[in-house]
Amino acid sequence: MSKKEFEQRRARKSLREMLSVVEERVGKVEESMENAKEDSVQELLDSQRKKLTETNDALEAMMMALTEETMATTKTLSTRIEELEEELALCRAIVRK
């Protein structure tokens, strides 16, 4: 084997080694990018979940307040209806006399 052939083989081997190292590093970079994407998506999902939970809590509080208000209004109206029925009964009794 001539000196020139030896140097060419050595250069090819060196290039193969460098290519292997570059491919390994590219793989690591791609993996890091994929992990970063997954982390970003997870952060976005967590953020949206937090907002939805806060909105849900606020809506539940509003529903409870409205339910209490409705119950109070219903009780007041029931009392008033009873009063009016008593007055109506009294009026009917007076008219019949």
PDB file of N, CA and C in Angstrom:
ATOM      1  N   MET A   1       0.852  -1.166   0.000  1.00  0.00           N
ATOM      2  CA  MET A   1       0.000   0.000   0.000  1.00  0.00           C
ATOM      3  C   MET A   1       0.897   1.226   0.000  1.00  0.00           C
ATOM      4  N   SER A   2       0.555   2.129  -0.865  1.00  0.00           N
ATOM      5  CA  SER A   2       1.371   3.337  -0.981  1.00  0.00           C
ATOM      6  C   SER A   2       1.002   4.330   0.108  1.00  0.00           C
ATOM      7  N   LYS A   3       1.898   5.282   0.267  1.00  0.00           N
ATOM      8  CA  LYS A   3       1.683   6.325   1.282  1.00  0.00           C
ATOM      9  C   LYS A   3       0.426   7.105   0.965  1.00  0.00           C
ATOM     10  N   LYS A   4       0.179   7.366  -0.303  1.00  0.00           N
ATOM     11  CA  LYS A   4      -0.995   8.131  -0.720  1.00  0.00           C
ATOM     12  C   LYS A   4      -2.270   7.366  -0.379  1.00  0.00           C
ATOM     13  N   GLU A   5      -2.318   6.062  -0.654  1.00  0.00           N
ATOM     14  CA  GLU A   5      -3.483   5.237  -0.344  1.00  0.00           C
ATOM     15  C   GLU A   5      -3.712   5.189   1.167  1.00  0.00           C
ATOM     16  N   PHE A   6      -2.620   5.071   1.904  1.00  0.00           N
ATOM     17  CA  PHE A   6      -2.713   5.044   3.368  1.00  0.00           C
ATOM     18  C   PHE A   6      -3.324   6.339   3.893  1.00  0.00           C
ATOM     19  N   GLU A   7      -2.882   7.460   3.376  1.00  0.00           N
ATOM     20  CA  GLU A   7      -3.400   8.765   3.815  1.00  0.00           C
ATOM     21  C   GLU A   7      -4.866   8.930   3.432  1.00  0.00           C
ATOM     22  N   GLN A   8      -5.238   8.418   2.239  1.00  0.00           N
ATOM     23  CA  GLN A   8      -6.635   8.509   1.806  1.00  0.00           C
ATOM     24  C   GLN A   8      -7.544   7.680   2.725  1.00  0.00           C
ATOM     25  N   ARG A   9      -7.083   6.460   3.052  1.00  0.00           N
ATOM     26  CA  ARG A   9      -7.859   5.615   3.962  1.00  0.00           C
ATOM     27  C   ARG A   9      -7.986   6.277   5.332  1.00  0.00           C
ATOM     28  N   ARG A  10      -6.899   6.810   5.786  1.00  0.00           N
ATOM     29  CA  ARG A  10      -6.896   7.484   7.072  1.00  0.00           C
ATOM     30  C   ARG A  10      -7.851   8.677   7.054  1.00  0.00           C
ATOM     31  N   ALA A  11      -7.826   9.438   5.957  1.00  0.00           N
ATOM     32  CA  ALA A  11      -8.707  10.597   5.814  1.00  0.00           C
ATOM     33  C   ALA A  11     -10.167  10.144   5.780  1.00  0.00           C
ATOM     34  N   ARG A  12     -10.481   9.050   5.058  1.00  0.00           N
ATOM     35  CA  ARG A  12     -11.851   8.522   4.996  1.00  0.00           C
ATOM     36  C   ARG A  12     -12.319   8.068   6.381  1.00  0.00           C
ATOM     37  N   LYS A  13     -11.402   7.370   7.087  1.00  0.00           N
ATOM     38  CA  LYS A  13     -11.738   6.902   8.425  1.00  0.00           C
ATOM     39  C   LYS A  13     -12.027   8.088   9.341  1.00  0.00           C
ATOM     40  N   SER A  14     -11.202   9.101   9.243  1.00  0.00           N
ATOM     41  CA  SER A  14     -11.390  10.301  10.047  1.00  0.00           C
ATOM     42  C   SER A  14     -12.707  10.975   9.687  1.00  0.00           C
ATOM     43  N   LEU A  15     -13.023  11.035   8.389  1.00  0.00           N
ATOM     44  CA  LEU A  15     -14.286  11.639   7.956  1.00  0.00           C
ATOM     45  C   LEU A  15     -15.479  10.821   8.452  1.00  0.00           C
ATOM     46  N   ARG A  16     -15.374   9.494   8.400  1.00  0.00           N
ATOM     47  CA  ARG A  16     -16.453   8.633   8.900  1.00  0.00           C
ATOM     48  C   ARG A  16     -16.670   8.870  10.395  1.00  0.00           C
ATOM     49  N   GLU A  17     -15.589   8.974  11.138  1.00  0.00           N
ATOM     50  CA  GLU A  17     -15.693   9.223  12.568  1.00  0.00           C
ATOM     51  C   GLU A  17     -16.353  10.568  12.846  1.00  0.00           C
ATOM     52  N   MET A  18     -15.946  11.598  12.089  1.00  0.00           N
ATOM     53  CA  MET A  18     -16.538  12.927  12.258  1.00  0.00           C
ATOM     54  C   MET A  18     -18.019  12.893  11.882  1.00  0.00           C
ATOM     55  N   LEU A  19     -18.345  12.169  10.791  1.00  0.00           N
ATOM     56  CA  LEU A  19     -19.742  12.061  10.369  1.00  0.00           C
ATOM     57  C   LEU A  19     -20.570  11.361  11.451  1.00  0.00           C
ATOM     58  N   SER A  20     -19.998  10.332  12.031  1.00  0.00           N
ATOM     59  CA  SER A  20     -20.675   9.607  13.101  1.00  0.00           C
ATOM     60  C   SER A  20     -20.937  10.525  14.292  1.00  0.00           C
ATOM     61  N   VAL A  21     -19.940  11.306  14.665  1.00  0.00           N
ATOM     62  CA  VAL A  21     -20.093  12.247  15.787  1.00  0.00           C
ATOM     63  C   VAL A  21     -21.155  13.289  15.457  1.00  0.00           C
ATOM     64  N   VAL A  22     -21.125  13.809  14.230  1.00  0.00           N
ATOM     65  CA  VAL A  22     -22.107  14.827  13.815  1.00  0.00           C
ATOM     66  C   VAL A  22     -23.511  14.226  13.836  1.00  0.00           C
ATOM     67  N   GLU A  23     -23.660  13.001  13.316  1.00  0.00           N
ATOM     68  CA  GLU A  23     -24.977  12.357  13.308  1.00  0.00           C
ATOM     69  C   GLU A  23     -25.481  12.139  14.735  1.00  0.00           C
ATOM     70  N   GLU A  24     -24.600  11.749  15.617  1.00  0.00           N
ATOM     71  CA  GLU A  24     -24.977  11.556  17.022  1.00  0.00           C
ATOM     72  C   GLU A  24     -25.441  12.861  17.636  1.00  0.00           C
ATOM     73  N   ARG A  25     -24.708  13.932  17.372  1.00  0.00           N
ATOM     74  CA  ARG A  25     -25.077  15.244  17.926  1.00  0.00           C
ATOM     75  C   ARG A  25     -26.392  15.736  17.336  1.00  0.00           C
ATOM     76  N   VAL A  26     -26.602  15.513  16.034  1.00  0.00           N
ATOM     77  CA  VAL A  26     -27.861  15.910  15.395  1.00  0.00           C
ATOM     78  C   VAL A  26     -29.012  15.147  16.048  1.00  0.00           C
ATOM     79  N   GLY A  27     -28.796  13.862  16.296  1.00  0.00           N
ATOM     80  CA  GLY A  27     -29.826  13.063  16.973  1.00  0.00           C
ATOM     81  C   GLY A  27     -30.173  13.626  18.333  1.00  0.00           C
ATOM     82  N   LYS A  28     -29.150  14.023  19.092  1.00  0.00           N
ATOM     83  CA  LYS A  28     -29.381  14.603  20.413  1.00  0.00           C
ATOM     84  C   LYS A  28     -30.136  15.929  20.311  1.00  0.00           C
ATOM     85  N   VAL A  29     -29.768  16.744  19.321  1.00  0.00           N
ATOM     86  CA  VAL A  29     -30.445  18.035  19.126  1.00  0.00           C
ATOM     87  C   VAL A  29     -31.912  17.801  18.759  1.00  0.00           C
ATOM     88  N   GLU A  30     -32.159  16.843  17.853  1.00  0.00           N
ATOM     89  CA  GLU A  30     -33.538  16.544  17.463  1.00  0.00           C
ATOM     90  C   GLU A  30     -34.345  16.052  18.664  1.00  0.00           C
ATOM     91  N   GLU A  31     -33.724  15.211  19.493  1.00  0.00           N
ATOM     92  CA  GLU A  31     -34.394  14.718  20.694  1.00  0.00           C
ATOM     93  C   GLU A  31     -34.708  15.868  21.647  1.00  0.00           C
ATOM     94  N   SER A  32     -33.749  16.778  21.807  1.00  0.00           N
ATOM     95  CA  SER A  32     -33.966  17.939  22.675  1.00  0.00           C
ATOM     96  C   SER A  32     -35.102  18.809  22.151  1.00  0.00           C
ATOM     97  N   MET A  33     -35.133  18.984  20.825  1.00  0.00           N
ATOM     98  CA  MET A  33     -36.200  19.792  20.224  1.00  0.00           C
ATOM     99  C   MET A  33     -37.555  19.134  20.450  1.00  0.00           C
ATOM    100  N   GLU A  34     -37.624  17.819  20.304  1.00  0.00           N
ATOM    101  CA  GLU A  34     -38.879  17.105  20.521  1.00  0.00           C
ATOM    102  C   GLU A  34     -39.329  17.235  21.973  1.00  0.00           C
ATOM    103  N   ASN A  35     -38.383  17.098  22.895  1.00  0.00           N
ATOM    104  CA  ASN A  35     -38.708  17.261  24.321  1.00  0.00           C
ATOM    105  C   ASN A  35     -39.200  18.674  24.605  1.00  0.00           C
ATOM    106  N   ALA A  36     -38.558  19.674  23.966  1.00  0.00           N
ATOM    107  CA  ALA A  36     -38.970  21.066  24.168  1.00  0.00           C
ATOM    108  C   ALA A  36     -40.392  21.267  23.650  1.00  0.00           C
ATOM    109  N   LYS A  37     -40.708  20.660  22.499  1.00  0.00           N
ATOM    110  CA  LYS A  37     -42.063  20.773  21.951  1.00  0.00           C
ATOM    111  C   LYS A  37     -43.066  20.158  22.921  1.00  0.00           C
ATOM    112  N   GLU A  38     -42.747  18.961  23.418  1.00  0.00           N
ATOM    113  CA  GLU A  38     -43.649  18.294  24.353  1.00  0.00           C
ATOM    114  C   GLU A  38     -43.831  19.121  25.617  1.00  0.00           C
ATOM    115  N   ASP A  39     -42.742  19.701  26.115  1.00  0.00           N
ATOM    116  CA  ASP A  39     -42.831  20.549  27.308  1.00  0.00           C
ATOM    117  C   ASP A  39     -43.707  21.761  27.041  1.00  0.00           C
ATOM    118  N   SER A  40     -43.540  22.373  25.864  1.00  0.00           N
ATOM    119  CA  SER A  40     -44.341  23.553  25.512  1.00  0.00           C
ATOM    120  C   SER A  40     -45.812  23.199  25.421  1.00  0.00           C
ATOM    121  N   VAL A  41     -46.109  22.068  24.804  1.00  0.00           N
ATOM    122  CA  VAL A  41     -47.496  21.636  24.681  1.00  0.00           C
ATOM    123  C   VAL A  41     -48.070  21.366  26.065  1.00  0.00           C
ATOM    124  N   GLN A  42     -47.296  20.701  26.922  1.00  0.00           N
ATOM    125  CA  GLN A  42     -47.772  20.395  28.268  1.00  0.00           C
ATOM    126  C   GLN A  42     -48.013  21.679  29.059  1.00  0.00           C
ATOM    127  N   GLU A  43     -47.121  22.653  28.918  1.00  0.00           N
ATOM    128  CA  GLU A  43     -47.300  23.931  29.610  1.00  0.00           C
ATOM    129  C   GLU A  43     -48.564  24.631  29.125  1.00  0.00           C
ATOM    130  N   LEU A  44     -48.797  24.591  27.806  1.00  0.00           N
ATOM    131  CA  LEU A  44     -50.003  25.195  27.249  1.00  0.00           C
ATOM    132  C   LEU A  44     -51.251  24.500  27.792  1.00  0.00           C
ATOM    133  N   LEU A  45     -51.230  23.170  27.809  1.00  0.00           N
ATOM    134  CA  LEU A  45     -52.369  22.423  28.335  1.00  0.00           C
ATOM    135  C   LEU A  45     -52.599  22.736  29.809  1.00  0.00           C
ATOM    136  N   ASP A  46     -51.528  22.795  30.587  1.00  0.00           N
ATOM    137  CA  ASP A  46     -51.653  23.118  32.009  1.00  0.00           C
ATOM    138  C   ASP A  46     -52.243  24.510  32.208  1.00  0.00           C
ATOM    139  N   SER A  47     -51.788  25.454  31.392  1.00  0.00           N
ATOM    140  CA  SER A  47     -52.284  26.826  31.474  1.00  0.00           C
ATOM    141  C   SER A  47     -53.781  26.879  31.159  1.00  0.00           C
ATOM    142  N   GLN A  48     -54.175  26.191  30.089  1.00  0.00           N
ATOM    143  CA  GLN A  48     -55.588  26.178  29.707  1.00  0.00           C
ATOM    144  C   GLN A  48     -56.437  25.472  30.764  1.00  0.00           C
ATOM    145  N   ARG A  49     -55.911  24.383  31.329  1.00  0.00           N
ATOM    146  CA  ARG A  49     -56.628  23.662  32.375  1.00  0.00           C
ATOM    147  C   ARG A  49     -56.847  24.576  33.580  1.00  0.00           C
ATOM    148  N   LYS A  50     -55.819  25.352  33.935  1.00  0.00           N
ATOM    149  CA  LYS A  50     -55.927  26.265  35.073  1.00  0.00           C
ATOM    150  C   LYS A  50     -56.999  27.323  34.808  1.00  0.00           C
ATOM    151  N   LYS A  51     -56.985  27.900  33.599  1.00  0.00           N
ATOM    152  CA  LYS A  51     -57.990  28.916  33.250  1.00  0.00           C
ATOM    153  C   LYS A  51     -59.395  28.328  33.297  1.00  0.00           C
ATOM    154  N   LEU A  52     -59.561  27.119  32.744  1.00  0.00           N
ATOM    155  CA  LEU A  52     -60.878  26.486  32.737  1.00  0.00           C
ATOM    156  C   LEU A  52     -61.341  26.166  34.152  1.00  0.00           C
ATOM    157  N   THR A  53     -60.422  25.744  34.997  1.00  0.00           N
ATOM    158  CA  THR A  53     -60.774  25.449  36.382  1.00  0.00           C
ATOM    159  C   THR A  53     -61.230  26.713  37.103  1.00  0.00           C
ATOM    160  N   GLU A  54     -60.513  27.814  36.876  1.00  0.00           N
ATOM    161  CA  GLU A  54     -60.896  29.086  37.498  1.00  0.00           C
ATOM    162  C   GLU A  54     -62.270  29.537  36.998  1.00  0.00           C
ATOM    163  N   THR A  55     -62.499  29.402  35.699  1.00  0.00           N
ATOM    164  CA  THR A  55     -63.794  29.781  35.126  1.00  0.00           C
ATOM    165  C   THR A  55     -64.897  28.902  35.698  1.00  0.00           C
ATOM    166  N   ASN A  56     -64.631  27.606  35.784  1.00  0.00           N
ATOM    167  CA  ASN A  56     -65.607  26.668  36.340  1.00  0.00           C
ATOM    168  C   ASN A  56     -65.938  27.019  37.789  1.00  0.00           C
ATOM    169  N   ASP A  57     -64.917  27.329  38.572  1.00  0.00           N
ATOM    170  CA  ASP A  57     -65.144  27.698  39.973  1.00  0.00           C
ATOM    171  C   ASP A  57     -66.006  28.955  40.071  1.00  0.00           C
ATOM    172  N   ALA A  58     -65.711  29.925  39.217  1.00  0.00           N
ATOM    173  CA  ALA A  58     -66.489  31.165  39.224  1.00  0.00           C
ATOM    174  C   ALA A  58     -67.947  30.884  38.830  1.00  0.00           C
ATOM    175  N   LEU A  59     -68.145  30.041  37.818  1.00  0.00           N
ATOM    176  CA  LEU A  59     -69.507  29.707  37.395  1.00  0.00           C
ATOM    177  C   LEU A  59     -70.263  28.951  38.490  1.00  0.00           C
ATOM    178  N   GLU A  60     -69.567  28.060  39.182  1.00  0.00           N
ATOM    179  CA  GLU A  60     -70.209  27.343  40.282  1.00  0.00           C
ATOM    180  C   GLU A  60     -70.648  28.297  41.385  1.00  0.00           C
ATOM    181  N   ALA A  61     -69.802  29.275  41.702  1.00  0.00           N
ATOM    182  CA  ALA A  61     -70.150  30.264  42.726  1.00  0.00           C
ATOM    183  C   ALA A  61     -71.365  31.081  42.286  1.00  0.00           C
ATOM    184  N   MET A  62     -71.381  31.454  41.003  1.00  0.00           N
ATOM    185  CA  MET A  62     -72.519  32.218  40.491  1.00  0.00           C
ATOM    186  C   MET A  62     -73.797  31.383  40.547  1.00  0.00           C
ATOM    187  N   MET A  63     -73.704  30.111  40.196  1.00  0.00           N
ATOM    188  CA  MET A  63     -74.877  29.237  40.222  1.00  0.00           C
ATOM    189  C   MET A  63     -75.400  29.076  41.645  1.00  0.00           C
ATOM    190  N   MET A  64     -74.496  28.949  42.598  1.00  0.00           N
ATOM    191  CA  MET A  64     -74.927  28.828  43.989  1.00  0.00           C
ATOM    192  C   MET A  64     -75.641  30.095  44.440  1.00  0.00           C
ATOM    193  N   ALA A  65     -75.097  31.248  44.079  1.00  0.00           N
ATOM    194  CA  ALA A  65     -75.719  32.518  44.456  1.00  0.00           C
ATOM    195  C   ALA A  65     -77.092  32.658  43.802  1.00  0.00           C
ATOM    196  N   LEU A  66     -77.169  32.292  42.517  1.00  0.00           N
ATOM    197  CA  LEU A  66     -78.461  32.374  41.821  1.00  0.00           C
ATOM    198  C   LEU A  66     -79.480  31.402  42.414  1.00  0.00           C
ATOM    199  N   THR A  67     -79.023  30.224  42.785  1.00  0.00           N
ATOM    200  CA  THR A  67     -79.926  29.240  43.394  1.00  0.00           C
ATOM    201  C   THR A  67     -80.465  29.764  44.712  1.00  0.00           C
ATOM    202  N   GLU A  68     -79.598  30.343  45.540  1.00  0.00           N
ATOM    203  CA  GLU A  68     -80.044  30.913  46.808  1.00  0.00           C
ATOM    204  C   GLU A  68     -81.035  32.051  46.585  1.00  0.00           C
ATOM    205  N   GLU A  69     -80.720  32.907  45.598  1.00  0.00           N
ATOM    206  CA  GLU A  69     -81.606  34.028  45.298  1.00  0.00           C
ATOM    207  C   GLU A  69     -82.962  33.524  44.810  1.00  0.00           C
ATOM    208  N   THR A  70     -82.947  32.497  43.969  1.00  0.00           N
ATOM    209  CA  THR A  70     -84.189  31.927  43.454  1.00  0.00           C
ATOM    210  C   THR A  70     -85.016  31.324  44.579  1.00  0.00           C
ATOM    211  N   MET A  71     -84.352  30.627  45.487  1.00  0.00           N
ATOM    212  CA  MET A  71     -85.064  30.037  46.624  1.00  0.00           C
ATOM    213  C   MET A  71     -85.693  31.123  47.501  1.00  0.00           C
ATOM    214  N   ALA A  72     -84.959  32.184  47.736  1.00  0.00           N
ATOM    215  CA  ALA A  72     -85.488  33.287  48.562  1.00  0.00           C
ATOM    216  C   ALA A  72     -86.675  33.938  47.866  1.00  0.00           C
ATOM    217  N   THR A  73     -86.562  34.147  46.560  1.00  0.00           N
ATOM    218  CA  THR A  73     -87.660  34.758  45.797  1.00  0.00           C
ATOM    219  C   THR A  73     -88.881  33.848  45.811  1.00  0.00           C
ATOM    220  N   THR A  74     -88.660  32.556  45.645  1.00  0.00           N
ATOM    221  CA  THR A  74     -89.767  31.587  45.654  1.00  0.00           C
ATOM    222  C   THR A  74     -90.472  31.598  47.001  1.00  0.00           C
ATOM    223  N   LYS A  75     -89.692  31.642  48.072  1.00  0.00           N
ATOM    224  CA  LYS A  75     -90.289  31.670  49.416  1.00  0.00           C
ATOM    225  C   LYS A  75     -91.123  32.935  49.603  1.00  0.00           C
ATOM    226  N   THR A  76     -90.568  34.078  49.155  1.00  0.00           N
ATOM    227  CA  THR A  76     -91.288  35.350  49.277  1.00  0.00           C
ATOM    228  C   THR A  76     -92.580  35.314  48.478  1.00  0.00           C
ATOM    229  N   LEU A  77     -92.510  34.800  47.260  1.00  0.00           N
ATOM    230  CA  LEU A  77     -93.708  34.719  46.420  1.00  0.00           C
ATOM    231  C   LEU A  77     -94.743  33.763  46.996  1.00  0.00           C
ATOM    232  N   SER A  78     -94.299  32.657  47.554  1.00  0.00           N
ATOM    233  CA  SER A  78     -95.233  31.705  48.167  1.00  0.00           C
ATOM    234  C   SER A  78     -95.978  32.357  49.328  1.00  0.00           C
ATOM    235  N   THR A  79     -95.228  33.101  50.139  1.00  0.00           N
ATOM    236  CA  THR A  79     -95.844  33.811  51.269  1.00  0.00           C
ATOM    237  C   THR A  79     -96.865  34.819  50.761  1.00  0.00           C
ATOM    238  N   ARG A  80     -96.494  35.550  49.738  1.00  0.00           N
ATOM    239  CA  ARG A  80     -97.397  36.574  49.180  1.00  0.00           C
ATOM    240  C   ARG A  80     -98.641  35.931  48.573  1.00  0.00           C
ATOM    241  N   ILE A  81     -98.470  34.789  47.909  1.00  0.00           N
ATOM    242  CA  ILE A  81     -99.621  34.081  47.319  1.00  0.00           C
ATOM    243  C   ILE A  81    -100.570  33.642  48.421  1.00  0.00           C
ATOM    244  N   GLU A  82    -100.033  33.122  49.513  1.00  0.00           N
ATOM    245  CA  GLU A  82    -100.867  32.712  50.642  1.00  0.00           C
ATOM    246  C   GLU A  82    -101.653  33.903  51.184  1.00  0.00           C
ATOM    247  N   GLU A  83    -100.982  35.059  51.310  1.00  0.00           N
ATOM    248  CA  GLU A  83    -101.654  36.265  51.804  1.00  0.00           C
ATOM    249  C   GLU A  83    -102.787  36.668  50.872  1.00  0.00           C
ATOM    250  N   LEU A  84    -102.505  36.632  49.562  1.00  0.00           N
ATOM    251  CA  LEU A  84    -103.531  37.021  48.589  1.00  0.00           C
ATOM    252  C   LEU A  84    -104.693  36.036  48.575  1.00  0.00           C
ATOM    253  N   GLU A  85    -104.398  34.745  48.763  1.00  0.00           N
ATOM    254  CA  GLU A  85    -105.475  33.756  48.825  1.00  0.00           C
ATOM    255  C   GLU A  85    -106.363  34.000  50.037  1.00  0.00           C
ATOM    256  N   GLU A  86    -105.744  34.373  51.159  1.00  0.00           N
ATOM    257  CA  GLU A  86    -106.529  34.696  52.362  1.00  0.00           C
ATOM    258  C   GLU A  86    -107.412  35.915  52.124  1.00  0.00           C
ATOM    259  N   GLU A  87    -106.848  36.947  51.464  1.00  0.00           N
ATOM    260  CA  GLU A  87    -107.631  38.151  51.158  1.00  0.00           C
ATOM    261  C   GLU A  87    -108.776  37.819  50.213  1.00  0.00           C
ATOM    262  N   LEU A  88    -108.490  36.948  49.224  1.00  0.00           N
ATOM    263  CA  LEU A  88    -109.519  36.550  48.257  1.00  0.00           C
ATOM    264  C   LEU A  88    -110.641  35.803  48.976  1.00  0.00           C
ATOM    265  N   ALA A  89    -110.256  34.912  49.878  1.00  0.00           N
ATOM    266  CA  ALA A  89    -111.269  34.164  50.624  1.00  0.00           C
ATOM    267  C   ALA A  89    -112.127  35.127  51.456  1.00  0.00           C
ATOM    268  N   LEU A  90    -111.485  36.124  52.061  1.00  0.00           N
ATOM    269  CA  LEU A  90    -112.197  37.116  52.855  1.00  0.00           C
ATOM    270  C   LEU A  90    -113.153  37.918  51.974  1.00  0.00           C
ATOM    271  N   CYS A  91    -112.677  38.349  50.797  1.00  0.00           N
ATOM    272  CA  CYS A  91    -113.503  39.117  49.862  1.00  0.00           C
ATOM    273  C   CYS A  91    -114.720  38.288  49.408  1.00  0.00           C
ATOM    274  N   ARG A  92    -114.507  37.023  49.128  1.00  0.00           N
ATOM    275  CA  ARG A  92    -115.604  36.154  48.696  1.00  0.00           C
ATOM    276  C   ARG A  92    -116.641  36.017  49.828  1.00  0.00           C
ATOM    277  N   ALA A  93    -116.144  35.894  51.039  1.00  0.00           N
ATOM    278  CA  ALA A  93    -117.056  35.768  52.177  1.00  0.00           C
ATOM    279  C   ALA A  93    -117.893  37.025  52.329  1.00  0.00           C
ATOM    280  N   ILE A  94    -117.284  38.183  52.143  1.00  0.00           N
ATOM    281  CA  ILE A  94    -117.984  39.451  52.268  1.00  0.00           C
ATOM    282  C   ILE A  94    -119.006  39.610  51.163  1.00  0.00           C
ATOM    283  N   VAL A  95    -118.656  39.241  49.944  1.00  0.00           N
ATOM    284  CA  VAL A  95    -119.555  39.399  48.811  1.00  0.00           C
ATOM    285  C   VAL A  95    -120.756  38.469  48.958  1.00  0.00           C
ATOM    286  N   ARG A  96    -120.629  37.325  49.510  1.00  0.00           N
ATOM    287  CA  ARG A  96    -121.717  36.351  49.659  1.00  0.00           C
ATOM    288  C   ARG A  96    -122.732  36.814  50.719  1.00  0.00           C
ATOM    289  N   LYS A  97    -122.332  37.647  51.645  1.00  0.00           N
ATOM    290  CA  LYS A  97    -123.248  38.082  52.705  1.00  0.00           C
ATOM    291  C   LYS A  97    -124.243  39.017  52.197  1.00  0.00           C
TER     292      LYS A  97
END
